[in-house]
C-alpha atoms as a PDB file:
ATOM      1  CA  UNK A   1     -12.828  22.731 -32.782  1.00  0.00           C
ATOM      2  CA  UNK A   2     -13.525  19.251 -34.130  1.00  0.00           C
ATOM      3  CA  UNK A   3     -16.809  17.871 -32.852  1.00  0.00           C
ATOM      4  CA  UNK A   4     -17.613  15.300 -35.513  1.00  0.00           C
ATOM      5  CA  UNK A   5     -15.488  12.278 -36.347  1.00  0.00           C
ATOM      6  CA  UNK A   6     -17.077  10.482 -39.291  1.00  0.00           C
ATOM      7  CA  UNK A   7     -16.323   6.849 -39.951  1.00  0.00           C
ATOM      8  CA  UNK A   8     -17.463   4.361 -42.502  1.00  0.00           C
ATOM      9  CA  UNK A   9     -19.634   1.463 -41.390  1.00  0.00           C
ATOM     10  CA  UNK A  10     -19.796  -0.097 -44.846  1.00  0.00           C
ATOM     11  CA  UNK A  11     -17.062  -2.624 -44.112  1.00  0.00           C
ATOM     12  CA  UNK A  12     -18.597  -3.855 -40.878  1.00  0.00           C
ATOM     13  CA  UNK A  13     -17.360  -7.340 -40.188  1.00  0.00           C
ATOM     14  CA  UNK A  14     -19.264 -10.366 -38.932  1.00  0.00           C
ATOM     15  CA  UNK A  15     -21.307 -10.101 -35.763  1.00  0.00           C
ATOM     16  CA  UNK A  16     -19.456  -7.086 -34.367  1.00  0.00           C
ATOM     17  CA  UNK A  17     -21.841  -4.508 -32.958  1.00  0.00           C
ATOM     18  CA  UNK A  18     -20.585  -0.980 -32.213  1.00  0.00           C
ATOM     19  CA  UNK A  19     -21.093   0.099 -28.607  1.00  0.00           C
ATOM     20  CA  UNK A  20     -20.317   3.394 -26.921  1.00  0.00           C
ATOM     21  CA  UNK A  21     -18.395   3.114 -23.666  1.00  0.00           C
ATOM     22  CA  UNK A  22     -19.848   5.225 -20.803  1.00  0.00           C
ATOM     23  CA  UNK A  23     -16.758   7.440 -21.098  1.00  0.00           C
ATOM     24  CA  UNK A  24     -17.504   7.976 -24.804  1.00  0.00           C
ATOM     25  CA  UNK A  25     -15.091   5.603 -26.540  1.00  0.00           C
ATOM     26  CA  UNK A  26     -16.138   3.294 -29.361  1.00  0.00           C
ATOM     27  CA  UNK A  27     -15.718  -0.432 -28.888  1.00  0.00           C
ATOM     28  CA  UNK A  28     -17.228  -3.516 -30.468  1.00  0.00           C
ATOM     29  CA  UNK A  29     -18.969  -6.549 -29.045  1.00  0.00           C
ATOM     30  CA  UNK A  30     -19.629  -9.947 -30.596  1.00  0.00           C
ATOM     31  CA  UNK A  31     -22.359 -11.411 -28.387  1.00  0.00           C
ATOM     32  CA  UNK A  32     -22.254 -14.841 -30.038  1.00  0.00           C
ATOM     33  CA  UNK A  33     -18.574 -15.291 -29.182  1.00  0.00           C
ATOM     34  CA  UNK A  34     -18.541 -13.167 -25.972  1.00  0.00           C
ATOM     35  CA  UNK A  35     -15.767 -10.883 -27.257  1.00  0.00           C
ATOM     36  CA  UNK A  36     -15.074  -7.187 -26.652  1.00  0.00           C
ATOM     37  CA  UNK A  37     -12.501  -5.101 -28.503  1.00  0.00           C
ATOM     38  CA  UNK A  38     -11.721  -1.478 -29.158  1.00  0.00           C
ATOM     39  CA  UNK A  39     -10.027  -2.501 -32.405  1.00  0.00           C
ATOM     40  CA  UNK A  40     -11.698  -0.606 -35.220  1.00  0.00           C
ATOM     41  CA  UNK A  41     -13.270  -3.581 -37.004  1.00  0.00           C
ATOM     42  CA  UNK A  42     -14.824  -1.317 -39.645  1.00  0.00           C
ATOM     43  CA  UNK A  43     -11.326  -1.350 -41.139  1.00  0.00           C
ATOM     44  CA  UNK A  44     -11.116  -4.613 -43.083  1.00  0.00           C
ATOM     45  CA  UNK A  45      -7.388  -5.066 -42.300  1.00  0.00           C
ATOM     46  CA  UNK A  46      -7.970  -4.718 -38.545  1.00  0.00           C
ATOM     47  CA  UNK A  47     -11.091  -6.866 -38.710  1.00  0.00           C
ATOM     48  CA  UNK A  48      -9.113  -9.643 -40.370  1.00  0.00           C
ATOM     49  CA  UNK A  49      -6.335  -9.238 -37.805  1.00  0.00           C
ATOM     50  CA  UNK A  50      -8.933  -9.667 -35.028  1.00  0.00           C
ATOM     51  CA  UNK A  51     -10.291 -12.802 -36.691  1.00  0.00           C
ATOM     52  CA  UNK A  52      -6.780 -14.275 -36.995  1.00  0.00           C
ATOM     53  CA  UNK A  53      -6.163 -13.542 -33.324  1.00  0.00           C
ATOM     54  CA  UNK A  54      -9.458 -15.170 -32.316  1.00  0.00           C
ATOM     55  CA  UNK A  55      -8.602 -18.240 -34.421  1.00  0.00           C
ATOM     56  CA  UNK A  56      -5.201 -18.402 -32.693  1.00  0.00           C
ATOM     57  CA  UNK A  57      -6.847 -18.276 -29.252  1.00  0.00           C
ATOM     58  CA  UNK A  58      -9.355 -20.940 -30.331  1.00  0.00           C
ATOM     59  CA  UNK A  59      -6.449 -23.214 -31.313  1.00  0.00           C
ATOM     60  CA  UNK A  60      -4.781 -22.615 -27.966  1.00  0.00           C
ATOM     61  CA  UNK A  61      -8.035 -23.448 -26.203  1.00  0.00           C
ATOM     62  CA  UNK A  62      -8.466 -26.683 -28.173  1.00  0.00           C
ATOM     63  CA  UNK A  63      -5.011 -27.834 -27.085  1.00  0.00           C
ATOM     64  CA  UNK A  64      -6.040 -27.595 -23.442  1.00  0.00           C
ATOM     65  CA  UNK A  65      -8.271 -30.035 -21.632  1.00  0.00           C
ATOM     66  CA  UNK A  66     -10.041 -27.438 -19.517  1.00  0.00           C
ATOM     67  CA  UNK A  67     -13.097 -25.679 -20.994  1.00  0.00           C
ATOM     68  CA  UNK A  68     -13.874 -22.004 -20.548  1.00  0.00           C
ATOM     69  CA  UNK A  69     -16.131 -21.129 -17.607  1.00  0.00           C
ATOM     70  CA  UNK A  70     -19.821 -20.748 -18.469  1.00  0.00           C
ATOM     71  CA  UNK A  71     -20.030 -17.000 -17.809  1.00  0.00           C
ATOM     72  CA  UNK A  72     -16.909 -15.642 -19.518  1.00  0.00           C
ATOM     73  CA  UNK A  73     -15.986 -12.847 -21.872  1.00  0.00           C
ATOM     74  CA  UNK A  74     -12.862 -12.217 -23.889  1.00  0.00           C
ATOM     75  CA  UNK A  75     -11.243  -8.804 -24.313  1.00  0.00           C
ATOM     76  CA  UNK A  76      -8.894  -8.275 -27.269  1.00  0.00           C
ATOM     77  CA  UNK A  77      -6.287  -5.578 -27.750  1.00  0.00           C
ATOM     78  CA  UNK A  78      -4.710  -5.255 -31.170  1.00  0.00           C
ATOM     79  CA  UNK A  79      -2.182  -2.494 -31.778  1.00  0.00           C
ATOM     80  CA  UNK A  80       0.585  -1.834 -34.295  1.00  0.00           C
ATOM     81  CA  UNK A  81       4.179  -1.850 -33.048  1.00  0.00           C
ATOM     82  CA  UNK A  82       6.628   0.769 -34.303  1.00  0.00           C
ATOM     83  CA  UNK A  83       8.187  -2.023 -36.380  1.00  0.00           C
ATOM     84  CA  UNK A  84       4.965  -2.495 -38.337  1.00  0.00           C
ATOM     85  CA  UNK A  85       4.160  -5.813 -36.648  1.00  0.00           C
ATOM     86  CA  UNK A  86       0.905  -6.166 -34.765  1.00  0.00           C
ATOM     87  CA  UNK A  87       0.678  -6.571 -30.996  1.00  0.00           C
ATOM     88  CA  UNK A  88      -1.945  -9.034 -29.786  1.00  0.00           C
ATOM     89  CA  UNK A  89      -3.056  -8.761 -26.172  1.00  0.00           C
ATOM     90  CA  UNK A  90      -5.994 -10.401 -24.456  1.00  0.00           C
ATOM     91  CA  UNK A  91      -7.545 -11.520 -21.228  1.00  0.00           C
ATOM     92  CA  UNK A  92     -10.617 -13.463 -20.251  1.00  0.00           C
ATOM     93  CA  UNK A  93     -13.036 -12.521 -17.502  1.00  0.00           C
ATOM     94  CA  UNK A  94     -14.974 -15.085 -15.480  1.00  0.00           C
ATOM     95  CA  UNK A  95     -17.969 -13.088 -14.266  1.00  0.00           C
ATOM     96  CA  UNK A  96     -19.010 -15.716 -11.727  1.00  0.00           C
ATOM     97  CA  UNK A  97     -15.704 -15.574  -9.856  1.00  0.00           C
ATOM     98  CA  UNK A  98     -14.788 -12.024 -10.949  1.00  0.00           C
ATOM     99  CA  UNK A  99     -11.389 -13.292 -12.054  1.00  0.00           C
ATOM    100  CA  UNK A 100      -9.203 -12.328 -14.948  1.00  0.00           C
ATOM    101  CA  UNK A 101      -7.373 -15.208 -16.638  1.00  0.00           C
ATOM    102  CA  UNK A 102      -5.302 -16.223 -19.649  1.00  0.00           C
ATOM    103  CA  UNK A 103      -4.955 -19.474 -21.601  1.00  0.00           C
ATOM    104  CA  UNK A 104      -1.278 -19.810 -20.780  1.00  0.00           C
ATOM    105  CA  UNK A 105       0.419 -19.576 -17.408  1.00  0.00           C
ATOM    106  CA  UNK A 106       0.721 -16.007 -16.292  1.00  0.00           C
ATOM    107  CA  UNK A 107       3.174 -14.838 -13.647  1.00  0.00           C
ATOM    108  CA  UNK A 108       1.578 -11.892 -11.889  1.00  0.00           C
ATOM    109  CA  UNK A 109       4.445 -11.316  -9.438  1.00  0.00           C
ATOM    110  CA  UNK A 110       5.337  -8.041 -11.112  1.00  0.00           C
ATOM    111  CA  UNK A 111       1.739  -6.854 -10.642  1.00  0.00           C
ATOM    112  CA  UNK A 112       1.792  -7.594  -6.930  1.00  0.00           C
ATOM    113  CA  UNK A 113       5.275  -6.051  -6.636  1.00  0.00           C
ATOM    114  CA  UNK A 114       3.983  -2.853  -8.231  1.00  0.00           C
ATOM    115  CA  UNK A 115       0.916  -2.923  -6.011  1.00  0.00           C
ATOM    116  CA  UNK A 116       3.097  -3.455  -2.966  1.00  0.00           C
ATOM    117  CA  UNK A 117       5.299  -0.527  -3.956  1.00  0.00           C
ATOM    118  CA  UNK A 118       2.251   1.664  -4.509  1.00  0.00           C
ATOM    119  CA  UNK A 119       0.779   0.769  -1.131  1.00  0.00           C
ATOM    120  CA  UNK A 120       3.975   0.718   0.931  1.00  0.00           C
ATOM    121  CA  UNK A 121       4.617   4.452   0.809  1.00  0.00           C
ATOM    122  CA  UNK A 122       1.073   5.559   1.779  1.00  0.00           C
ATOM    123  CA  UNK A 123       0.951   3.009   4.605  1.00  0.00           C
ATOM    124  CA  UNK A 124       4.388   4.013   5.863  1.00  0.00           C
ATOM    125  CA  UNK A 125       3.342   7.635   5.677  1.00  0.00           C
ATOM    126  CA  UNK A 126       0.111   6.898   7.549  1.00  0.00           C
ATOM    127  CA  UNK A 127       1.996   4.876  10.186  1.00  0.00           C
ATOM    128  CA  UNK A 128       4.470   7.721  10.605  1.00  0.00           C
ATOM    129  CA  UNK A 129       1.631  10.229  11.145  1.00  0.00           C
ATOM    130  CA  UNK A 130      -0.073   7.903  13.622  1.00  0.00           C
ATOM    131  CA  UNK A 131       3.172   7.470  15.554  1.00  0.00           C
ATOM    132  CA  UNK A 132       3.698  11.246  15.656  1.00  0.00           C
ATOM    133  CA  UNK A 133       0.152  11.819  16.922  1.00  0.00           C
ATOM    134  CA  UNK A 134       0.379   9.037  19.474  1.00  0.00           C
ATOM    135  CA  UNK A 135       3.767  10.161  20.733  1.00  0.00           C
ATOM    136  CA  UNK A 136       2.359  13.621  21.405  1.00  0.00           C
ATOM    137  CA  UNK A 137      -0.895  12.411  22.953  1.00  0.00           C
ATOM    138  CA  UNK A 138      -0.831  12.188  26.718  1.00  0.00           C
ATOM    139  CA  UNK A 139      -4.537  11.491  27.225  1.00  0.00           C
ATOM    140  CA  UNK A 140      -4.741   8.101  29.011  1.00  0.00           C
ATOM    141  CA  UNK A 141      -8.100   7.313  27.387  1.00  0.00           C
ATOM    142  CA  UNK A 142      -6.682   7.731  23.838  1.00  0.00           C
ATOM    143  CA  UNK A 143      -3.559   5.738  24.701  1.00  0.00           C
ATOM    144  CA  UNK A 144      -5.684   2.988  26.190  1.00  0.00           C
ATOM    145  CA  UNK A 145      -7.897   2.887  23.094  1.00  0.00           C
ATOM    146  CA  UNK A 146      -4.939   2.313  20.806  1.00  0.00           C
ATOM    147  CA  UNK A 147      -3.138   0.069  23.299  1.00  0.00           C
ATOM    148  CA  UNK A 148      -0.079   2.276  23.128  1.00  0.00           C
ATOM    149  CA  UNK A 149       0.989   2.313  26.788  1.00  0.00           C
END
């Protein structure tokens, strides 16, 4: 059984501070720039990739006229593709409004479609059970309560 996973902290990069997630995972936080990532920034290649990504987002932000909200944080996801290229994913969080946002327009229709599909079946199932119960109930008080007469 492996219970120890050593890692080198000698190549730590910039202001990144290692933090342990409540579920046990390692992630990093840069308090000066309000950035979280689970990218292993002790690896100099990945640390440089994170810095390039942050610079890219900074350029995108400069091209917009709207500033970031005062109480925000940025979450970065950096992963290798099977092709060897790197995937860059991110989102911002506005803690004051509890909203997630991106620097470019983001169409969340597919998210709401998935949510709708996830909720439709349980609600239909619940409605079906309620209809079965109500169709078998003959107690006038219960029928009056649910307005089912």
